[in-house]
């Protein structure tokens, strides 16, 4: 019998406090689909499954609620949040506004060193695309965008984007589940890098908008 995927994930975090281990394990289980949208999160069952007490399970579920990955339904309890078109639109509309502002500022402020790091981040994503786990690939995509945010020198903007980070991450994972989207992402990363290198504000904003709208359309179609 194959080992439980959640139990295997627990082993990835040997040096963290138990509460954080349980949180990361459940979070990864949700993002990778081991815990399905709408699935009830029963404290006793999860505690027995992971070999822990109910306390870290309860704390992890509470943290996942704050991230929007879990919802608490009256008389039913906690369950994995479903992805709805409205939630998707709400998050990506805000992300679009912030990302367009980021590339607008980056066109004025990005350094040659930033551009070099951005290029290497795109190559890292390309290298991982055939062999990496879904979450590792999503983190590489996140790393690419984080370099753009940092290049603006605007810490308030970085903070606002960070507040949406976990919700955006879930949609990144959903988008990357379709392997056809991955080659498109490589091309879009390189187009964006080229625009920033040329300090072409109009082109950079256009590529960023297309990048996010394609993600929104792809995930919406997968919900039907």
N, C-alpha and C. Protein backbone atom coordinates (compact mmCIF):
# COMPACT_ATOMS: atom_id res chain seq x y z
N UNK A 1 0.84 -1.21 0.00
CA UNK A 1 0.00 0.00 0.00
C UNK A 1 0.88 1.25 0.00
N UNK A 2 0.58 2.17 -0.88
CA UNK A 2 1.37 3.40 -0.98
C UNK A 2 1.23 4.24 0.28
N UNK A 3 2.31 4.90 0.66
CA UNK A 3 2.27 5.74 1.86
C UNK A 3 1.40 6.97 1.62
N UNK A 4 0.64 7.34 2.62
CA UNK A 4 -0.24 8.50 2.57
C UNK A 4 0.58 9.73 2.17
N UNK A 5 0.11 10.47 1.16
CA UNK A 5 0.84 11.65 0.67
C UNK A 5 0.99 12.71 1.75
N UNK A 6 -0.05 12.89 2.58
CA UNK A 6 0.05 13.89 3.64
C UNK A 6 1.12 13.49 4.66
N UNK A 7 1.19 12.20 4.97
CA UNK A 7 2.21 11.72 5.91
C UNK A 7 3.60 11.93 5.32
N UNK A 8 3.73 11.70 4.02
CA UNK A 8 5.01 11.93 3.35
C UNK A 8 5.40 13.40 3.42
N UNK A 9 4.42 14.29 3.23
CA UNK A 9 4.69 15.73 3.30
C UNK A 9 5.17 16.13 4.69
N UNK A 10 4.62 15.51 5.72
CA UNK A 10 5.04 15.81 7.10
C UNK A 10 6.54 15.65 7.25
N UNK A 11 7.12 14.69 6.54
CA UNK A 11 8.55 14.40 6.68
C UNK A 11 9.43 15.44 6.02
N UNK A 12 8.82 16.34 5.24
CA UNK A 12 9.61 17.36 4.54
C UNK A 12 10.03 18.51 5.47
N UNK A 13 9.46 18.57 6.67
CA UNK A 13 9.71 19.70 7.56
C UNK A 13 10.19 19.21 8.93
N UNK A 14 11.32 18.52 8.98
CA UNK A 14 11.76 17.90 10.25
C UNK A 14 12.18 18.88 11.33
N UNK A 15 12.53 20.10 10.95
CA UNK A 15 13.09 21.03 11.93
C UNK A 15 12.12 22.11 12.39
N UNK A 16 10.87 22.05 11.92
CA UNK A 16 9.90 23.08 12.28
C UNK A 16 9.06 22.66 13.48
N UNK A 17 8.50 23.64 14.20
CA UNK A 17 7.55 23.32 15.28
C UNK A 17 6.37 22.53 14.70
N UNK A 18 5.79 21.66 15.51
CA UNK A 18 4.72 20.77 15.04
C UNK A 18 3.56 21.54 14.42
N UNK A 19 3.18 22.67 15.01
CA UNK A 19 2.07 23.44 14.47
C UNK A 19 2.35 23.87 13.03
N UNK A 20 3.58 24.31 12.78
CA UNK A 20 3.95 24.75 11.43
C UNK A 20 4.02 23.59 10.46
N UNK A 21 4.49 22.44 10.95
CA UNK A 21 4.55 21.24 10.11
C UNK A 21 3.15 20.85 9.65
N UNK A 22 2.20 20.83 10.58
CA UNK A 22 0.83 20.44 10.25
C UNK A 22 0.21 21.46 9.29
N UNK A 23 0.45 22.74 9.56
CA UNK A 23 -0.08 23.80 8.69
C UNK A 23 0.44 23.63 7.27
N UNK A 24 1.75 23.48 7.11
CA UNK A 24 2.33 23.37 5.78
C UNK A 24 1.89 22.08 5.08
N UNK A 25 1.72 21.04 5.86
CA UNK A 25 1.27 19.76 5.29
C UNK A 25 -0.14 19.88 4.73
N UNK A 26 -1.05 20.46 5.51
CA UNK A 26 -2.43 20.61 5.04
C UNK A 26 -2.50 21.61 3.89
N UNK A 27 -1.72 22.66 3.98
CA UNK A 27 -1.71 23.67 2.91
C UNK A 27 -1.25 23.06 1.60
N UNK A 28 -0.17 22.31 1.64
CA UNK A 28 0.33 21.67 0.43
C UNK A 28 -0.67 20.65 -0.09
N UNK A 29 -1.33 19.94 0.83
CA UNK A 29 -2.34 18.97 0.42
C UNK A 29 -3.49 19.62 -0.33
N UNK A 30 -3.88 20.82 0.11
CA UNK A 30 -4.95 21.55 -0.58
C UNK A 30 -4.49 22.04 -1.94
N UNK A 31 -3.29 22.64 -1.98
CA UNK A 31 -2.80 23.22 -3.22
C UNK A 31 -2.52 22.17 -4.29
N UNK A 32 -2.09 20.98 -3.86
CA UNK A 32 -1.78 19.93 -4.83
C UNK A 32 -2.98 19.05 -5.15
N UNK A 33 -4.08 19.24 -4.41
CA UNK A 33 -5.28 18.48 -4.71
C UNK A 33 -5.42 17.19 -3.94
N UNK A 34 -4.51 16.92 -2.98
CA UNK A 34 -4.67 15.73 -2.14
C UNK A 34 -5.88 15.90 -1.21
N UNK A 35 -6.18 17.15 -0.87
CA UNK A 35 -7.40 17.50 -0.15
C UNK A 35 -8.25 18.30 -1.13
N UNK A 36 -9.38 17.76 -1.52
CA UNK A 36 -10.18 18.32 -2.61
C UNK A 36 -11.09 19.46 -2.15
N UNK A 37 -11.40 20.41 -3.05
CA UNK A 37 -12.38 21.46 -2.73
C UNK A 37 -13.69 20.84 -2.25
N UNK A 38 -14.20 21.36 -1.12
CA UNK A 38 -15.43 20.84 -0.56
C UNK A 38 -15.22 19.71 0.44
N UNK A 39 -14.01 19.17 0.50
CA UNK A 39 -13.74 18.06 1.43
C UNK A 39 -13.73 18.57 2.87
N UNK A 40 -14.44 17.84 3.74
CA UNK A 40 -14.50 18.23 5.14
C UNK A 40 -13.18 17.91 5.83
N UNK A 41 -12.75 18.81 6.71
CA UNK A 41 -11.52 18.61 7.47
C UNK A 41 -11.90 18.24 8.90
N UNK A 42 -11.96 16.95 9.16
CA UNK A 42 -12.36 16.43 10.47
C UNK A 42 -11.14 16.36 11.37
N UNK A 43 -11.19 17.08 12.47
CA UNK A 43 -10.02 17.17 13.35
C UNK A 43 -9.54 15.81 13.83
N UNK A 44 -10.44 14.97 14.26
CA UNK A 44 -10.04 13.66 14.80
C UNK A 44 -9.43 12.80 13.71
N UNK A 45 -10.07 12.77 12.54
CA UNK A 45 -9.55 11.97 11.43
C UNK A 45 -8.16 12.43 11.01
N UNK A 46 -7.99 13.76 10.87
CA UNK A 46 -6.69 14.29 10.45
C UNK A 46 -5.63 14.05 11.51
N UNK A 47 -6.02 14.18 12.78
CA UNK A 47 -5.07 13.94 13.86
C UNK A 47 -4.58 12.49 13.82
N UNK A 48 -5.51 11.55 13.63
CA UNK A 48 -5.13 10.14 13.55
C UNK A 48 -4.28 9.86 12.31
N UNK A 49 -4.65 10.51 11.22
CA UNK A 49 -3.96 10.30 9.94
C UNK A 49 -2.51 10.77 10.01
N UNK A 50 -2.31 11.91 10.69
CA UNK A 50 -0.97 12.50 10.75
C UNK A 50 -0.21 12.12 12.02
N UNK A 51 -0.89 11.45 12.92
CA UNK A 51 -0.22 11.01 14.16
C UNK A 51 0.08 12.13 15.12
N UNK A 52 -0.83 13.10 15.21
CA UNK A 52 -0.65 14.24 16.11
C UNK A 52 -1.92 14.42 16.94
N UNK A 53 -1.88 15.34 17.90
CA UNK A 53 -3.07 15.65 18.67
C UNK A 53 -3.99 16.58 17.88
N UNK A 54 -5.16 16.85 18.39
CA UNK A 54 -6.10 17.72 17.69
C UNK A 54 -5.69 19.19 17.74
N UNK A 55 -4.88 19.57 18.74
CA UNK A 55 -4.54 20.99 18.92
C UNK A 55 -3.81 21.58 17.70
N UNK A 56 -2.72 20.96 17.21
CA UNK A 56 -2.07 21.55 16.02
C UNK A 56 -2.95 21.49 14.77
N UNK A 57 -3.85 20.50 14.70
CA UNK A 57 -4.78 20.43 13.58
C UNK A 57 -5.71 21.64 13.62
N UNK A 58 -6.26 21.91 14.80
CA UNK A 58 -7.18 23.03 14.98
C UNK A 58 -6.48 24.35 14.65
N UNK A 59 -5.24 24.52 15.11
CA UNK A 59 -4.49 25.76 14.85
C UNK A 59 -4.20 25.92 13.36
N UNK A 60 -3.85 24.81 12.70
CA UNK A 60 -3.55 24.87 11.27
C UNK A 60 -4.80 25.23 10.46
N UNK A 61 -5.93 24.66 10.83
CA UNK A 61 -7.18 24.96 10.13
C UNK A 61 -7.53 26.43 10.28
N UNK A 62 -7.30 26.98 11.46
CA UNK A 62 -7.57 28.39 11.69
C UNK A 62 -6.67 29.26 10.80
N UNK A 63 -5.41 28.90 10.66
CA UNK A 63 -4.48 29.65 9.81
C UNK A 63 -4.87 29.54 8.33
N UNK A 64 -5.35 28.37 7.94
CA UNK A 64 -5.77 28.17 6.56
C UNK A 64 -7.04 28.96 6.24
N UNK A 65 -7.88 29.16 7.25
CA UNK A 65 -9.06 30.01 7.07
C UNK A 65 -8.64 31.43 6.74
N UNK A 66 -7.61 31.93 7.44
CA UNK A 66 -7.14 33.29 7.22
C UNK A 66 -6.60 33.45 5.80
N UNK A 67 -6.09 32.38 5.22
CA UNK A 67 -5.55 32.43 3.86
C UNK A 67 -6.63 32.23 2.80
N UNK A 68 -7.83 31.89 3.25
CA UNK A 68 -8.90 31.66 2.28
C UNK A 68 -8.90 30.27 1.67
N UNK A 69 -8.05 29.38 2.19
CA UNK A 69 -7.99 28.02 1.66
C UNK A 69 -9.00 27.09 2.33
N UNK A 70 -9.52 27.51 3.47
CA UNK A 70 -10.50 26.73 4.23
C UNK A 70 -11.64 27.65 4.63
N UNK A 71 -12.85 27.13 4.61
CA UNK A 71 -14.02 27.88 5.09
C UNK A 71 -14.70 27.07 6.19
N UNK A 72 -15.33 27.78 7.10
CA UNK A 72 -16.06 27.13 8.19
C UNK A 72 -17.54 27.27 7.92
N UNK A 73 -18.22 26.18 7.66
CA UNK A 73 -19.64 26.17 7.32
C UNK A 73 -20.45 25.86 8.58
N UNK A 74 -21.43 26.71 8.93
CA UNK A 74 -22.26 26.45 10.11
C UNK A 74 -22.88 25.04 10.06
N UNK A 75 -22.77 24.34 11.16
CA UNK A 75 -23.31 22.99 11.37
C UNK A 75 -22.61 21.92 10.53
N UNK A 76 -21.62 22.33 9.74
CA UNK A 76 -20.87 21.35 8.95
C UNK A 76 -19.40 21.32 9.32
N UNK A 77 -18.90 22.46 9.81
CA UNK A 77 -17.50 22.53 10.18
C UNK A 77 -16.60 23.00 9.05
N UNK A 78 -15.31 22.77 9.23
CA UNK A 78 -14.31 23.26 8.27
C UNK A 78 -14.25 22.36 7.05
N UNK A 79 -14.08 23.00 5.89
CA UNK A 79 -13.89 22.26 4.65
C UNK A 79 -13.01 23.06 3.71
N UNK A 80 -12.39 22.35 2.79
CA UNK A 80 -11.52 23.01 1.80
C UNK A 80 -12.36 23.95 0.95
N UNK A 81 -11.93 25.19 0.85
CA UNK A 81 -12.69 26.19 0.09
C UNK A 81 -12.71 25.84 -1.39
N UNK A 82 -13.87 26.02 -1.98
CA UNK A 82 -14.00 25.83 -3.42
C UNK A 82 -13.53 27.08 -4.14
N UNK A 83 -13.02 26.90 -5.33
CA UNK A 83 -12.65 28.05 -6.16
C UNK A 83 -13.89 28.48 -6.92
N UNK A 84 -14.31 29.72 -6.71
CA UNK A 84 -15.46 30.24 -7.42
C UNK A 84 -15.00 31.30 -8.42
N UNK A 85 -15.81 31.53 -9.43
CA UNK A 85 -15.46 32.55 -10.42
C UNK A 85 -15.35 33.93 -9.78
N UNK A 86 -16.21 34.20 -8.80
CA UNK A 86 -16.17 35.52 -8.15
C UNK A 86 -14.88 35.70 -7.37
N UNK A 87 -14.49 34.67 -6.59
CA UNK A 87 -13.24 34.76 -5.83
C UNK A 87 -12.06 34.93 -6.77
N UNK A 88 -12.07 34.15 -7.85
CA UNK A 88 -11.00 34.24 -8.84
C UNK A 88 -10.92 35.64 -9.42
N UNK A 89 -12.06 36.18 -9.84
CA UNK A 89 -12.09 37.52 -10.43
C UNK A 89 -11.65 38.57 -9.42
N UNK A 90 -12.15 38.48 -8.19
CA UNK A 90 -11.81 39.47 -7.17
C UNK A 90 -10.31 39.53 -6.93
N UNK A 91 -9.69 38.35 -6.78
CA UNK A 91 -8.26 38.30 -6.48
C UNK A 91 -7.43 38.76 -7.68
N UNK A 92 -7.77 38.27 -8.87
CA UNK A 92 -6.94 38.59 -10.04
C UNK A 92 -7.15 40.02 -10.53
N UNK A 93 -8.32 40.61 -10.27
CA UNK A 93 -8.51 42.03 -10.61
C UNK A 93 -7.59 42.90 -9.75
N UNK A 94 -7.51 42.57 -8.47
CA UNK A 94 -6.62 43.32 -7.58
C UNK A 94 -5.16 43.08 -7.97
N UNK A 95 -4.85 41.81 -8.25
CA UNK A 95 -3.49 41.50 -8.66
C UNK A 95 -3.11 42.25 -9.93
N UNK A 96 -4.03 42.33 -10.88
CA UNK A 96 -3.75 43.01 -12.14
C UNK A 96 -3.38 44.47 -11.90
N UNK A 97 -4.16 45.14 -11.06
CA UNK A 97 -3.88 46.54 -10.77
C UNK A 97 -2.52 46.73 -10.13
N UNK A 98 -2.18 45.85 -9.19
CA UNK A 98 -0.90 45.96 -8.49
C UNK A 98 0.28 45.60 -9.41
N UNK A 99 0.08 44.58 -10.25
CA UNK A 99 1.15 44.16 -11.15
C UNK A 99 1.42 45.22 -12.22
N UNK A 100 0.37 45.85 -12.72
CA UNK A 100 0.56 46.91 -13.71
C UNK A 100 1.31 48.09 -13.09
N UNK A 101 0.97 48.42 -11.86
CA UNK A 101 1.70 49.48 -11.16
C UNK A 101 3.16 49.07 -10.97
N UNK A 102 3.39 47.80 -10.63
CA UNK A 102 4.75 47.32 -10.40
C UNK A 102 5.61 47.45 -11.66
N UNK A 103 5.09 47.02 -12.81
CA UNK A 103 5.92 47.11 -14.02
C UNK A 103 6.08 48.56 -14.47
N UNK A 104 5.08 49.39 -14.19
CA UNK A 104 5.19 50.81 -14.51
C UNK A 104 6.36 51.45 -13.74
N UNK A 105 6.41 51.15 -12.44
CA UNK A 105 7.51 51.68 -11.61
C UNK A 105 8.84 51.03 -11.98
N UNK A 106 8.79 49.73 -12.27
CA UNK A 106 10.02 49.00 -12.59
C UNK A 106 10.68 49.53 -13.85
N UNK A 107 9.90 50.01 -14.79
CA UNK A 107 10.48 50.56 -16.02
C UNK A 107 11.41 51.73 -15.73
N UNK A 108 11.14 52.45 -14.66
CA UNK A 108 11.99 53.58 -14.28
C UNK A 108 13.12 53.17 -13.34
N UNK A 109 12.89 52.11 -12.53
CA UNK A 109 13.78 51.85 -11.40
C UNK A 109 14.57 50.56 -11.47
N UNK A 110 14.21 49.65 -12.35
CA UNK A 110 14.89 48.36 -12.37
C UNK A 110 16.35 48.53 -12.77
N UNK A 111 17.23 47.83 -12.09
CA UNK A 111 18.66 47.93 -12.35
C UNK A 111 19.11 46.79 -13.27
N UNK A 112 20.32 46.93 -13.78
CA UNK A 112 20.88 45.85 -14.60
C UNK A 112 21.00 44.56 -13.80
N UNK A 113 21.33 44.71 -12.52
CA UNK A 113 21.42 43.52 -11.65
C UNK A 113 20.05 42.85 -11.50
N UNK A 114 19.01 43.67 -11.33
CA UNK A 114 17.65 43.12 -11.24
C UNK A 114 17.28 42.39 -12.52
N UNK A 115 17.63 42.99 -13.67
CA UNK A 115 17.31 42.38 -14.96
C UNK A 115 18.03 41.05 -15.13
N UNK A 116 19.26 40.98 -14.65
CA UNK A 116 20.01 39.74 -14.72
C UNK A 116 19.35 38.66 -13.86
N UNK A 117 18.93 39.04 -12.66
CA UNK A 117 18.26 38.09 -11.77
C UNK A 117 16.93 37.64 -12.36
N UNK A 118 16.23 38.56 -13.01
CA UNK A 118 14.94 38.24 -13.63
C UNK A 118 15.12 37.25 -14.77
N UNK A 119 16.15 37.46 -15.55
CA UNK A 119 16.45 36.54 -16.66
C UNK A 119 16.77 35.15 -16.13
N UNK A 120 17.58 35.09 -15.09
CA UNK A 120 17.95 33.80 -14.50
C UNK A 120 16.73 33.10 -13.89
N UNK A 121 15.82 33.89 -13.32
CA UNK A 121 14.59 33.31 -12.75
C UNK A 121 13.73 32.69 -13.84
N UNK A 122 13.70 33.32 -15.00
CA UNK A 122 12.95 32.76 -16.14
C UNK A 122 13.59 31.47 -16.63
N UNK A 123 14.92 31.44 -16.65
CA UNK A 123 15.61 30.21 -17.08
C UNK A 123 15.41 29.09 -16.05
N UNK A 124 15.37 29.46 -14.78
CA UNK A 124 15.12 28.46 -13.73
C UNK A 124 13.74 27.84 -13.91
N UNK A 125 12.75 28.69 -14.19
CA UNK A 125 11.39 28.20 -14.42
C UNK A 125 11.38 27.25 -15.62
N UNK A 126 12.07 27.64 -16.68
CA UNK A 126 12.11 26.82 -17.89
C UNK A 126 12.77 25.47 -17.61
N UNK A 127 13.81 25.48 -16.80
CA UNK A 127 14.53 24.24 -16.48
C UNK A 127 13.67 23.29 -15.66
N UNK A 128 12.86 23.87 -14.77
CA UNK A 128 12.03 23.05 -13.88
C UNK A 128 10.77 22.51 -14.55
N UNK A 129 10.41 23.08 -15.66
CA UNK A 129 9.07 22.88 -16.23
C UNK A 129 8.75 21.42 -16.54
N UNK A 130 9.75 20.63 -16.88
CA UNK A 130 9.49 19.24 -17.27
C UNK A 130 9.55 18.26 -16.10
N UNK A 131 10.20 18.65 -15.02
CA UNK A 131 10.47 17.65 -13.99
C UNK A 131 10.02 18.05 -12.58
N UNK A 132 9.75 19.33 -12.37
CA UNK A 132 9.49 19.79 -11.01
C UNK A 132 8.09 19.45 -10.55
N UNK A 133 7.93 19.34 -9.24
CA UNK A 133 6.60 19.20 -8.65
C UNK A 133 5.83 20.48 -8.88
N UNK A 134 4.52 20.38 -8.87
CA UNK A 134 3.65 21.51 -9.17
C UNK A 134 3.92 22.70 -8.26
N UNK A 135 4.05 22.44 -6.97
CA UNK A 135 4.28 23.54 -6.03
C UNK A 135 5.65 24.18 -6.25
N UNK A 136 6.64 23.39 -6.60
CA UNK A 136 7.98 23.92 -6.86
C UNK A 136 7.96 24.82 -8.10
N UNK A 137 7.19 24.43 -9.09
CA UNK A 137 7.06 25.23 -10.30
C UNK A 137 6.33 26.55 -10.00
N UNK A 138 5.29 26.47 -9.19
CA UNK A 138 4.55 27.68 -8.81
C UNK A 138 5.45 28.63 -8.02
N UNK A 139 6.31 28.10 -7.18
CA UNK A 139 7.23 28.93 -6.41
C UNK A 139 8.25 29.61 -7.32
N UNK A 140 8.66 28.92 -8.38
CA UNK A 140 9.60 29.52 -9.34
C UNK A 140 8.93 30.67 -10.09
N UNK A 141 7.66 30.50 -10.43
CA UNK A 141 6.91 31.57 -11.08
C UNK A 141 6.76 32.75 -10.12
N UNK A 142 6.48 32.45 -8.87
CA UNK A 142 6.34 33.49 -7.85
C UNK A 142 7.65 34.25 -7.67
N UNK A 143 8.75 33.52 -7.71
CA UNK A 143 10.07 34.14 -7.56
C UNK A 143 10.34 35.15 -8.67
N UNK A 144 9.93 34.81 -9.90
CA UNK A 144 10.11 35.71 -11.04
C UNK A 144 9.40 37.04 -10.78
N UNK A 145 8.14 36.96 -10.36
CA UNK A 145 7.37 38.17 -10.11
C UNK A 145 7.90 38.95 -8.91
N UNK A 146 8.38 38.24 -7.90
CA UNK A 146 8.90 38.91 -6.70
C UNK A 146 10.09 39.81 -7.03
N UNK A 147 10.89 39.43 -8.00
CA UNK A 147 12.03 40.26 -8.41
C UNK A 147 11.54 41.58 -8.99
N UNK A 148 10.45 41.52 -9.76
CA UNK A 148 9.87 42.76 -10.31
C UNK A 148 9.37 43.65 -9.18
N UNK A 149 8.65 43.06 -8.22
CA UNK A 149 8.13 43.86 -7.10
C UNK A 149 9.28 44.55 -6.37
N UNK A 150 10.32 43.79 -6.07
CA UNK A 150 11.44 44.34 -5.31
C UNK A 150 12.14 45.45 -6.09
N UNK A 151 12.16 45.33 -7.41
CA UNK A 151 12.87 46.32 -8.23
C UNK A 151 12.19 47.69 -8.22
N UNK A 152 10.93 47.74 -7.79
CA UNK A 152 10.24 49.04 -7.74
C UNK A 152 10.75 49.91 -6.60
N UNK A 153 11.35 49.27 -5.59
CA UNK A 153 11.81 50.01 -4.43
C UNK A 153 10.67 50.53 -3.57
N UNK A 154 9.46 50.08 -3.85
CA UNK A 154 8.27 50.55 -3.11
C UNK A 154 7.83 49.47 -2.14
N UNK A 155 8.19 49.63 -0.88
CA UNK A 155 7.91 48.60 0.13
C UNK A 155 6.43 48.48 0.44
N UNK A 156 5.69 49.57 0.30
CA UNK A 156 4.23 49.50 0.51
C UNK A 156 3.58 48.62 -0.54
N UNK A 157 4.03 48.78 -1.76
CA UNK A 157 3.50 47.95 -2.85
C UNK A 157 3.83 46.48 -2.60
N UNK A 158 5.07 46.21 -2.21
CA UNK A 158 5.45 44.83 -1.91
C UNK A 158 4.59 44.25 -0.80
N UNK A 159 4.28 45.08 0.20
CA UNK A 159 3.47 44.62 1.32
C UNK A 159 2.04 44.29 0.87
N UNK A 160 1.47 45.14 0.03
CA UNK A 160 0.12 44.90 -0.47
C UNK A 160 0.06 43.60 -1.28
N UNK A 161 1.05 43.38 -2.11
CA UNK A 161 1.08 42.16 -2.91
C UNK A 161 1.30 40.95 -2.02
N UNK A 162 2.13 41.12 -0.99
CA UNK A 162 2.38 40.02 -0.05
C UNK A 162 1.11 39.60 0.67
N UNK A 163 0.23 40.56 0.92
CA UNK A 163 -1.04 40.25 1.60
C UNK A 163 -1.94 39.35 0.74
N UNK A 164 -1.74 39.40 -0.57
CA UNK A 164 -2.52 38.56 -1.49
C UNK A 164 -1.77 37.29 -1.89
N UNK A 165 -0.55 37.15 -1.40
CA UNK A 165 0.37 36.12 -1.88
C UNK A 165 -0.23 34.73 -1.85
N UNK A 166 -0.81 34.33 -0.72
CA UNK A 166 -1.29 32.96 -0.60
C UNK A 166 -2.47 32.69 -1.53
N UNK A 167 -3.36 33.67 -1.65
CA UNK A 167 -4.51 33.48 -2.54
C UNK A 167 -4.06 33.43 -3.99
N UNK A 168 -3.09 34.27 -4.36
CA UNK A 168 -2.56 34.24 -5.72
C UNK A 168 -1.86 32.91 -5.98
N UNK A 169 -1.21 32.39 -4.96
CA UNK A 169 -0.45 31.14 -5.11
C UNK A 169 -1.37 29.99 -5.50
N UNK A 170 -2.54 29.94 -4.89
CA UNK A 170 -3.47 28.85 -5.22
C UNK A 170 -3.86 28.90 -6.70
N UNK A 171 -4.08 30.11 -7.20
CA UNK A 171 -4.46 30.23 -8.61
C UNK A 171 -3.29 29.93 -9.52
N UNK A 172 -2.07 30.24 -9.08
CA UNK A 172 -0.88 29.86 -9.85
C UNK A 172 -0.84 28.34 -10.03
N UNK A 173 -1.06 27.64 -8.91
CA UNK A 173 -1.02 26.18 -8.96
C UNK A 173 -2.10 25.65 -9.90
N UNK A 174 -3.31 26.21 -9.79
CA UNK A 174 -4.40 25.76 -10.65
C UNK A 174 -4.05 25.97 -12.13
N UNK A 175 -3.47 27.12 -12.44
CA UNK A 175 -3.11 27.44 -13.82
C UNK A 175 -2.05 26.47 -14.35
N UNK A 176 -1.09 26.13 -13.49
CA UNK A 176 0.01 25.28 -13.92
C UNK A 176 -0.36 23.81 -14.03
N UNK A 177 -1.53 23.44 -13.52
CA UNK A 177 -1.97 22.05 -13.64
C UNK A 177 -2.14 21.68 -15.11
N UNK A 178 -2.51 22.65 -15.93
CA UNK A 178 -2.62 22.42 -17.37
C UNK A 178 -1.23 22.60 -17.97
N UNK A 179 -0.61 21.51 -18.38
CA UNK A 179 0.78 21.57 -18.85
C UNK A 179 0.95 22.46 -20.08
N UNK A 180 -0.12 22.65 -20.85
CA UNK A 180 -0.02 23.51 -22.04
C UNK A 180 0.24 24.96 -21.67
N UNK A 181 -0.13 25.36 -20.45
CA UNK A 181 0.08 26.73 -20.02
C UNK A 181 1.54 27.02 -19.69
N UNK A 182 2.32 25.99 -19.46
CA UNK A 182 3.68 26.21 -18.96
C UNK A 182 4.60 26.82 -20.02
N UNK A 183 4.52 26.32 -21.25
CA UNK A 183 5.33 26.90 -22.32
C UNK A 183 4.91 28.35 -22.60
N UNK A 184 3.61 28.61 -22.47
CA UNK A 184 3.11 29.99 -22.64
C UNK A 184 3.72 30.90 -21.60
N UNK A 185 3.83 30.41 -20.37
CA UNK A 185 4.42 31.22 -19.30
C UNK A 185 5.88 31.57 -19.59
N UNK A 186 6.63 30.64 -20.12
CA UNK A 186 8.04 30.92 -20.45
C UNK A 186 8.10 32.07 -21.45
N UNK A 187 7.29 32.00 -22.49
CA UNK A 187 7.27 33.04 -23.51
C UNK A 187 6.87 34.39 -22.90
N UNK A 188 5.85 34.37 -22.04
CA UNK A 188 5.38 35.63 -21.44
C UNK A 188 6.43 36.21 -20.50
N UNK A 189 7.11 35.36 -19.74
CA UNK A 189 8.19 35.85 -18.88
C UNK A 189 9.27 36.56 -19.71
N UNK A 190 9.65 35.93 -20.82
CA UNK A 190 10.72 36.50 -21.64
C UNK A 190 10.27 37.80 -22.33
N UNK A 191 9.02 37.85 -22.75
CA UNK A 191 8.49 39.08 -23.36
C UNK A 191 8.48 40.22 -22.33
N UNK A 192 8.11 39.89 -21.12
CA UNK A 192 8.07 40.90 -20.07
C UNK A 192 9.48 41.37 -19.73
N UNK A 193 10.41 40.43 -19.65
CA UNK A 193 11.80 40.78 -19.38
C UNK A 193 12.35 41.73 -20.46
N UNK A 194 12.05 41.42 -21.71
CA UNK A 194 12.53 42.23 -22.82
C UNK A 194 11.96 43.66 -22.75
N UNK A 195 10.68 43.76 -22.39
CA UNK A 195 10.05 45.08 -22.28
C UNK A 195 10.67 45.90 -21.15
N UNK A 196 10.93 45.24 -20.03
CA UNK A 196 11.55 45.95 -18.90
C UNK A 196 12.98 46.37 -19.24
N UNK A 197 13.68 45.53 -19.96
CA UNK A 197 15.04 45.84 -20.37
C UNK A 197 15.07 47.09 -21.25
N UNK A 198 14.04 47.22 -22.11
CA UNK A 198 13.95 48.38 -23.01
C UNK A 198 13.29 49.58 -22.33
N UNK A 199 12.84 49.38 -21.09
CA UNK A 199 12.09 50.43 -20.36
C UNK A 199 10.85 50.85 -21.15
N UNK A 200 10.24 49.88 -21.80
CA UNK A 200 9.05 50.12 -22.61
C UNK A 200 7.80 49.91 -21.74
N UNK A 201 7.37 51.00 -21.12
CA UNK A 201 6.27 50.94 -20.16
C UNK A 201 4.98 50.39 -20.78
N UNK A 202 4.62 50.89 -21.93
CA UNK A 202 3.37 50.47 -22.58
C UNK A 202 3.38 48.98 -22.89
N UNK A 203 4.48 48.51 -23.43
CA UNK A 203 4.60 47.11 -23.79
C UNK A 203 4.59 46.22 -22.54
N UNK A 204 5.30 46.65 -21.49
CA UNK A 204 5.37 45.87 -20.25
C UNK A 204 3.99 45.72 -19.62
N UNK A 205 3.24 46.82 -19.60
CA UNK A 205 1.89 46.76 -19.02
C UNK A 205 0.98 45.86 -19.85
N UNK A 206 1.13 45.93 -21.16
CA UNK A 206 0.31 45.11 -22.06
C UNK A 206 0.61 43.62 -21.85
N UNK A 207 1.90 43.28 -21.76
CA UNK A 207 2.26 41.88 -21.54
C UNK A 207 1.78 41.39 -20.19
N UNK A 208 1.87 42.24 -19.16
CA UNK A 208 1.41 41.83 -17.83
C UNK A 208 -0.10 41.62 -17.82
N UNK A 209 -0.83 42.51 -18.44
CA UNK A 209 -2.29 42.36 -18.50
C UNK A 209 -2.66 41.06 -19.23
N UNK A 210 -2.03 40.82 -20.36
CA UNK A 210 -2.31 39.61 -21.12
C UNK A 210 -1.97 38.36 -20.30
N UNK A 211 -0.87 38.43 -19.58
CA UNK A 211 -0.38 37.33 -18.73
C UNK A 211 -1.44 36.95 -17.68
N UNK A 212 -2.00 37.94 -17.02
CA UNK A 212 -2.95 37.68 -15.95
C UNK A 212 -4.33 37.33 -16.49
N UNK A 213 -4.74 37.98 -17.55
CA UNK A 213 -6.06 37.69 -18.12
C UNK A 213 -6.10 36.28 -18.71
N UNK A 214 -5.00 35.83 -19.28
CA UNK A 214 -4.95 34.46 -19.79
C UNK A 214 -5.08 33.47 -18.64
N UNK A 215 -4.45 33.79 -17.53
CA UNK A 215 -4.56 32.94 -16.34
C UNK A 215 -6.01 32.89 -15.85
N UNK A 216 -6.67 34.04 -15.80
CA UNK A 216 -8.05 34.09 -15.35
C UNK A 216 -8.96 33.27 -16.27
N UNK A 217 -8.80 33.44 -17.58
CA UNK A 217 -9.64 32.73 -18.53
C UNK A 217 -9.42 31.22 -18.45
N UNK A 218 -8.17 30.81 -18.29
CA UNK A 218 -7.85 29.39 -18.23
C UNK A 218 -8.47 28.73 -17.00
N UNK A 219 -8.35 29.39 -15.85
CA UNK A 219 -8.90 28.80 -14.62
C UNK A 219 -10.42 28.80 -14.66
N UNK A 220 -11.01 29.86 -15.18
CA UNK A 220 -12.47 29.91 -15.30
C UNK A 220 -12.99 28.75 -16.14
N UNK A 221 -12.32 28.47 -17.24
CA UNK A 221 -12.79 27.39 -18.11
C UNK A 221 -12.65 26.04 -17.42
N UNK A 222 -11.67 25.90 -16.53
CA UNK A 222 -11.49 24.62 -15.82
C UNK A 222 -12.54 24.40 -14.74
N UNK A 223 -13.24 25.47 -14.35
CA UNK A 223 -14.25 25.36 -13.31
C UNK A 223 -15.56 24.81 -13.86
N UNK A 224 -15.74 24.82 -15.16
CA UNK A 224 -17.00 24.38 -15.77
C UNK A 224 -16.95 22.91 -16.14
